[in-house]
Amino acid sequence: MMKGIAVVGIGLMQMMFACWGLVLGVASTAVTLNISPARSLATQLIAFLLILIPFIIIGLAAGQW
């Protein structure tokens, strides 16, 4: 029972992170459109990695359970 609740909680957290990722991605793209493409690409890569880190942590935590 608890494991089921945990899985649902993780699913909700992942959806929340995905929404935040989308918002951050759109915001970073909007901001970096005014800057050179190379800088924009680097910024998007950093943003992508920052978004990915919580997913990795959640995935590892889910694996522990």
PDB file of N, CA and C in Angstrom:
ATOM      1  N   MET A   1       0.839  -1.206   0.000  1.00  0.00           N
ATOM      2  CA  MET A   1       0.000   0.000   0.000  1.00  0.00           C
ATOM      3  C   MET A   1       0.871   1.252   0.000  1.00  0.00           C
ATOM      4  N   MET A   2       1.833   1.292   0.927  1.00  0.00           N
ATOM      5  CA  MET A   2       2.719   2.463   1.018  1.00  0.00           C
ATOM      6  C   MET A   2       3.536   2.629  -0.258  1.00  0.00           C
ATOM      7  N   LYS A   3       3.952   1.500  -0.834  1.00  0.00           N
ATOM      8  CA  LYS A   3       4.755   1.559  -2.054  1.00  0.00           C
ATOM      9  C   LYS A   3       3.941   2.182  -3.190  1.00  0.00           C
ATOM     10  N   GLY A   4       2.648   1.824  -3.264  1.00  0.00           N
ATOM     11  CA  GLY A   4       1.756   2.395  -4.277  1.00  0.00           C
ATOM     12  C   GLY A   4       1.635   3.900  -4.114  1.00  0.00           C
ATOM     13  N   ILE A   5       1.482   4.348  -2.865  1.00  0.00           N
ATOM     14  CA  ILE A   5       1.387   5.784  -2.574  1.00  0.00           C
ATOM     15  C   ILE A   5       2.684   6.478  -2.977  1.00  0.00           C
ATOM     16  N   ALA A   6       3.815   5.843  -2.666  1.00  0.00           N
ATOM     17  CA  ALA A   6       5.123   6.410  -3.008  1.00  0.00           C
ATOM     18  C   ALA A   6       5.269   6.559  -4.519  1.00  0.00           C
ATOM     19  N   VAL A   7       4.828   5.532  -5.270  1.00  0.00           N
ATOM     20  CA  VAL A   7       4.929   5.571  -6.734  1.00  0.00           C
ATOM     21  C   VAL A   7       4.084   6.707  -7.294  1.00  0.00           C
ATOM     22  N   VAL A   8       2.860   6.864  -6.760  1.00  0.00           N
ATOM     23  CA  VAL A   8       1.978   7.959  -7.197  1.00  0.00           C
ATOM     24  C   VAL A   8       2.627   9.302  -6.870  1.00  0.00           C
ATOM     25  N   GLY A   9       3.205   9.411  -5.676  1.00  0.00           N
ATOM     26  CA  GLY A   9       3.884  10.641  -5.267  1.00  0.00           C
ATOM     27  C   GLY A   9       5.033  10.976  -6.194  1.00  0.00           C
ATOM     28  N   ILE A  10       5.817   9.960  -6.562  1.00  0.00           N
ATOM     29  CA  ILE A  10       6.945  10.160  -7.482  1.00  0.00           C
ATOM     30  C   ILE A  10       6.426  10.611  -8.843  1.00  0.00           C
ATOM     31  N   GLY A  11       5.333   9.996  -9.304  1.00  0.00           N
ATOM     32  CA  GLY A  11       4.733  10.378 -10.585  1.00  0.00           C
ATOM     33  C   GLY A  11       4.323  11.843 -10.592  1.00  0.00           C
ATOM     34  N   LEU A  12       3.691  12.280  -9.504  1.00  0.00           N
ATOM     35  CA  LEU A  12       3.257  13.674  -9.389  1.00  0.00           C
ATOM     36  C   LEU A  12       4.462  14.609  -9.356  1.00  0.00           C
ATOM     37  N   MET A  13       5.499  14.210  -8.611  1.00  0.00           N
ATOM     38  CA  MET A  13       6.710  15.027  -8.531  1.00  0.00           C
ATOM     39  C   MET A  13       7.366  15.147  -9.899  1.00  0.00           C
ATOM     40  N   GLN A  14       7.402  14.040 -10.655  1.00  0.00           N
ATOM     41  CA  GLN A  14       7.998  14.065 -11.989  1.00  0.00           C
ATOM     42  C   GLN A  14       7.211  14.986 -12.914  1.00  0.00           C
ATOM     43  N   MET A  15       5.877  14.949 -12.814  1.00  0.00           N
ATOM     44  CA  MET A  15       5.049  15.838 -13.637  1.00  0.00           C
ATOM     45  C   MET A  15       5.323  17.291 -13.272  1.00  0.00           C
ATOM     46  N   MET A  16       5.470  17.557 -11.962  1.00  0.00           N
ATOM     47  CA  MET A  16       5.755  18.909 -11.498  1.00  0.00           C
ATOM     48  C   MET A  16       7.107  19.376 -12.038  1.00  0.00           C
ATOM     49  N   PHE A  17       8.124  18.500 -11.956  1.00  0.00           N
ATOM     50  CA  PHE A  17       9.449  18.843 -12.480  1.00  0.00           C
ATOM     51  C   PHE A  17       9.403  19.055 -13.985  1.00  0.00           C
ATOM     52  N   ALA A  18       8.605  18.241 -14.680  1.00  0.00           N
ATOM     53  CA  ALA A  18       8.483  18.381 -16.132  1.00  0.00           C
ATOM     54  C   ALA A  18       7.866  19.733 -16.481  1.00  0.00           C
ATOM     55  N   CYS A  19       6.842  20.137 -15.722  1.00  0.00           N
ATOM     56  CA  CYS A  19       6.202  21.440 -15.949  1.00  0.00           C
ATOM     57  C   CYS A  19       7.199  22.567 -15.698  1.00  0.00           C
ATOM     58  N   TRP A  20       7.950  22.466 -14.588  1.00  0.00           N
ATOM     59  CA  TRP A  20       8.968  23.467 -14.283  1.00  0.00           C
ATOM     60  C   TRP A  20      10.026  23.502 -15.383  1.00  0.00           C
ATOM     61  N   GLY A  21      10.401  22.320 -15.867  1.00  0.00           N
ATOM     62  CA  GLY A  21      11.386  22.225 -16.944  1.00  0.00           C
ATOM     63  C   GLY A  21      10.908  22.939 -18.186  1.00  0.00           C
ATOM     64  N   LEU A  22       9.634  22.748 -18.511  1.00  0.00           N
ATOM     65  CA  LEU A  22       9.039  23.399 -19.680  1.00  0.00           C
ATOM     66  C   LEU A  22       9.066  24.913 -19.505  1.00  0.00           C
ATOM     67  N   VAL A  23       8.657  25.380 -18.317  1.00  0.00           N
ATOM     68  CA  VAL A  23       8.642  26.822 -18.022  1.00  0.00           C
ATOM     69  C   VAL A  23      10.053  27.396 -18.114  1.00  0.00           C
ATOM     70  N   LEU A  24      11.025  26.708 -17.478  1.00  0.00           N
ATOM     71  CA  LEU A  24      12.418  27.167 -17.511  1.00  0.00           C
ATOM     72  C   LEU A  24      12.968  27.158 -18.926  1.00  0.00           C
ATOM     73  N   GLY A  25      12.631  26.112 -19.678  1.00  0.00           N
ATOM     74  CA  GLY A  25      13.102  26.000 -21.056  1.00  0.00           C
ATOM     75  C   GLY A  25      12.587  27.143 -21.914  1.00  0.00           C
ATOM     76  N   VAL A  26      11.293  27.433 -21.810  1.00  0.00           N
ATOM     77  CA  VAL A  26      10.685  28.530 -22.579  1.00  0.00           C
ATOM     78  C   VAL A  26      11.288  29.862 -22.152  1.00  0.00           C
ATOM     79  N   ALA A  27      11.433  30.051 -20.834  1.00  0.00           N
ATOM     80  CA  ALA A  27      11.985  31.305 -20.317  1.00  0.00           C
ATOM     81  C   ALA A  27      13.433  31.495 -20.767  1.00  0.00           C
ATOM     82  N   SER A  28      14.239  30.431 -20.661  1.00  0.00           N
ATOM     83  CA  SER A  28      15.651  30.538 -21.048  1.00  0.00           C
ATOM     84  C   SER A  28      15.778  30.777 -22.548  1.00  0.00           C
ATOM     85  N   THR A  29      14.897  30.144 -23.337  1.00  0.00           N
ATOM     86  CA  THR A  29      14.928  30.346 -24.788  1.00  0.00           C
ATOM     87  C   THR A  29      14.560  31.787 -25.111  1.00  0.00           C
ATOM     88  N   ALA A  30      13.512  32.305 -24.453  1.00  0.00           N
ATOM     89  CA  ALA A  30      13.070  33.681 -24.688  1.00  0.00           C
ATOM     90  C   ALA A  30      14.179  34.671 -24.329  1.00  0.00           C
ATOM     91  N   VAL A  31      14.866  34.403 -23.214  1.00  0.00           N
ATOM     92  CA  VAL A  31      15.945  35.295 -22.768  1.00  0.00           C
ATOM     93  C   VAL A  31      17.139  35.213 -23.715  1.00  0.00           C
ATOM     94  N   THR A  32      17.484  33.982 -24.131  1.00  0.00           N
ATOM     95  CA  THR A  32      18.705  33.789 -24.917  1.00  0.00           C
ATOM     96  C   THR A  32      18.514  34.059 -26.409  1.00  0.00           C
ATOM     97  N   LEU A  33      17.273  34.308 -26.858  1.00  0.00           N
ATOM     98  CA  LEU A  33      17.050  34.632 -28.271  1.00  0.00           C
ATOM     99  C   LEU A  33      17.766  35.928 -28.645  1.00  0.00           C
ATOM    100  N   ASN A  34      17.939  36.806 -27.642  1.00  0.00           N
ATOM    101  CA  ASN A  34      18.596  38.094 -27.890  1.00  0.00           C
ATOM    102  C   ASN A  34      20.118  37.962 -27.923  1.00  0.00           C
ATOM    103  N   ILE A  35      20.633  36.796 -27.466  1.00  0.00           N
ATOM    104  CA  ILE A  35      22.081  36.580 -27.369  1.00  0.00           C
ATOM    105  C   ILE A  35      22.528  35.694 -28.531  1.00  0.00           C
ATOM    106  N   SER A  36      23.824  35.581 -28.740  1.00  0.00           N
ATOM    107  CA  SER A  36      24.371  34.782 -29.840  1.00  0.00           C
ATOM    108  C   SER A  36      23.960  33.311 -29.701  1.00  0.00           C
ATOM    109  N   PRO A  37      23.823  32.580 -30.828  1.00  0.00           N
ATOM    110  CA  PRO A  37      23.357  31.189 -30.790  1.00  0.00           C
ATOM    111  C   PRO A  37      24.220  30.263 -29.930  1.00  0.00           C
ATOM    112  N   ALA A  38      25.541  30.447 -29.957  1.00  0.00           N
ATOM    113  CA  ALA A  38      26.444  29.579 -29.190  1.00  0.00           C
ATOM    114  C   ALA A  38      26.153  29.703 -27.693  1.00  0.00           C
ATOM    115  N   ARG A  39      26.003  30.949 -27.245  1.00  0.00           N
ATOM    116  CA  ARG A  39      25.713  31.198 -25.833  1.00  0.00           C
ATOM    117  C   ARG A  39      24.343  30.612 -25.482  1.00  0.00           C
ATOM    118  N   SER A  40      23.402  30.770 -26.399  1.00  0.00           N
ATOM    119  CA  SER A  40      22.049  30.249 -26.197  1.00  0.00           C
ATOM    120  C   SER A  40      22.090  28.736 -26.008  1.00  0.00           C
ATOM    121  N   LEU A  41      22.861  28.060 -26.856  1.00  0.00           N
ATOM    122  CA  LEU A  41      22.965  26.603 -26.790  1.00  0.00           C
ATOM    123  C   LEU A  41      23.552  26.171 -25.447  1.00  0.00           C
ATOM    124  N   ALA A  42      24.597  26.868 -25.008  1.00  0.00           N
ATOM    125  CA  ALA A  42      25.234  26.553 -23.729  1.00  0.00           C
ATOM    126  C   ALA A  42      24.247  26.750 -22.578  1.00  0.00           C
ATOM    127  N   THR A  43      23.503  27.848 -22.631  1.00  0.00           N
ATOM    128  CA  THR A  43      22.522  28.141 -21.577  1.00  0.00           C
ATOM    129  C   THR A  43      21.442  27.075 -21.536  1.00  0.00           C
ATOM    130  N   GLN A  44      20.970  26.659 -22.714  1.00  0.00           N
ATOM    131  CA  GLN A  44      19.937  25.629 -22.774  1.00  0.00           C
ATOM    132  C   GLN A  44      20.467  24.297 -22.250  1.00  0.00           C
ATOM    133  N   LEU A  45      21.732  23.997 -22.553  1.00  0.00           N
ATOM    134  CA  LEU A  45      22.342  22.757 -22.086  1.00  0.00           C
ATOM    135  C   LEU A  45      22.426  22.745 -20.562  1.00  0.00           C
ATOM    136  N   ILE A  46      22.850  23.875 -19.984  1.00  0.00           N
ATOM    137  CA  ILE A  46      22.944  23.998 -18.525  1.00  0.00           C
ATOM    138  C   ILE A  46      21.556  23.852 -17.901  1.00  0.00           C
ATOM    139  N   ALA A  47      20.565  24.537 -18.494  1.00  0.00           N
ATOM    140  CA  ALA A  47      19.190  24.457 -17.992  1.00  0.00           C
ATOM    141  C   ALA A  47      18.692  23.014 -18.059  1.00  0.00           C
ATOM    142  N   PHE A  48      18.997  22.333 -19.174  1.00  0.00           N
ATOM    143  CA  PHE A  48      18.578  20.941 -19.360  1.00  0.00           C
ATOM    144  C   PHE A  48      19.185  20.050 -18.280  1.00  0.00           C
ATOM    145  N   LEU A  49      20.477  20.256 -17.985  1.00  0.00           N
ATOM    146  CA  LEU A  49      21.152  19.456 -16.958  1.00  0.00           C
ATOM    147  C   LEU A  49      20.548  19.722 -15.582  1.00  0.00           C
ATOM    148  N   LEU A  50      20.243  21.000 -15.296  1.00  0.00           N
ATOM    149  CA  LEU A  50      19.640  21.358 -14.012  1.00  0.00           C
ATOM    150  C   LEU A  50      18.266  20.707 -13.867  1.00  0.00           C
ATOM    151  N   ILE A  51      17.537  20.610 -14.991  1.00  0.00           N
ATOM    152  CA  ILE A  51      16.224  19.970 -14.976  1.00  0.00           C
ATOM    153  C   ILE A  51      16.378  18.460 -14.797  1.00  0.00           C
ATOM    154  N   LEU A  52      17.435  17.906 -15.390  1.00  0.00           N
ATOM    155  CA  LEU A  52      17.646  16.458 -15.382  1.00  0.00           C
ATOM    156  C   LEU A  52      18.062  15.934 -14.003  1.00  0.00           C
ATOM    157  N   ILE A  53      18.815  16.738 -13.237  1.00  0.00           N
ATOM    158  CA  ILE A  53      19.340  16.308 -11.936  1.00  0.00           C
ATOM    159  C   ILE A  53      18.236  15.800 -10.994  1.00  0.00           C
ATOM    160  N   PRO A  54      17.132  16.561 -10.806  1.00  0.00           N
ATOM    161  CA  PRO A  54      16.074  16.053  -9.913  1.00  0.00           C
ATOM    162  C   PRO A  54      15.499  14.717 -10.375  1.00  0.00           C
ATOM    163  N   PHE A  55      15.363  14.533 -11.706  1.00  0.00           N
ATOM    164  CA  PHE A  55      14.852  13.272 -12.237  1.00  0.00           C
ATOM    165  C   PHE A  55      15.779  12.121 -11.863  1.00  0.00           C
ATOM    166  N   ILE A  56      17.097  12.354 -11.961  1.00  0.00           N
ATOM    167  CA  ILE A  56      18.082  11.320 -11.624  1.00  0.00           C
ATOM    168  C   ILE A  56      17.972  10.972 -10.138  1.00  0.00           C
ATOM    169  N   ILE A  57      17.865  12.002  -9.297  1.00  0.00           N
ATOM    170  CA  ILE A  57      17.755  11.794  -7.848  1.00  0.00           C
ATOM    171  C   ILE A  57      16.483  11.006  -7.526  1.00  0.00           C
ATOM    172  N   ILE A  58      15.354  11.407  -8.140  1.00  0.00           N
ATOM    173  CA  ILE A  58      14.079  10.714  -7.909  1.00  0.00           C
ATOM    174  C   ILE A  58      14.169   9.273  -8.403  1.00  0.00           C
ATOM    175  N   GLY A  59      14.782   9.089  -9.563  1.00  0.00           N
ATOM    176  CA  GLY A  59      14.945   7.745 -10.120  1.00  0.00           C
ATOM    177  C   GLY A  59      15.750   6.849  -9.193  1.00  0.00           C
ATOM    178  N   LEU A  60      16.840   7.376  -8.642  1.00  0.00           N
ATOM    179  CA  LEU A  60      17.668   6.608  -7.708  1.00  0.00           C
ATOM    180  C   LEU A  60      16.886   6.295  -6.436  1.00  0.00           C
ATOM    181  N   ALA A  61      16.140   7.291  -5.945  1.00  0.00           N
ATOM    182  CA  ALA A  61      15.331   7.089  -4.737  1.00  0.00           C
ATOM    183  C   ALA A  61      14.271   6.021  -4.986  1.00  0.00           C
ATOM    184  N   ALA A  62      13.650   6.055  -6.172  1.00  0.00           N
ATOM    185  CA  ALA A  62      12.624   5.066  -6.524  1.00  0.00           C
ATOM    186  C   ALA A  62      13.250   3.670  -6.607  1.00  0.00           C
ATOM    187  N   GLY A  63      14.469   3.597  -7.124  1.00  0.00           N
ATOM    188  CA  GLY A  63      15.186   2.329  -7.216  1.00  0.00           C
ATOM    189  C   GLY A  63      15.469   1.741  -5.841  1.00  0.00           C
ATOM    190  N   GLN A  64      15.719   2.608  -4.864  1.00  0.00           N
ATOM    191  CA  GLN A  64      15.990   2.164  -3.492  1.00  0.00           C
ATOM    192  C   GLN A  64      14.770   1.472  -2.895  1.00  0.00           C
ATOM    193  N   TRP A  65      13.582   1.986  -3.194  1.00  0.00           N
ATOM    194  CA  TRP A  65      12.349   1.427  -2.645  1.00  0.00           C
ATOM    195  C   TRP A  65      12.035   0.105  -3.317  1.00  0.00           C
TER     196      TRP A  65
END
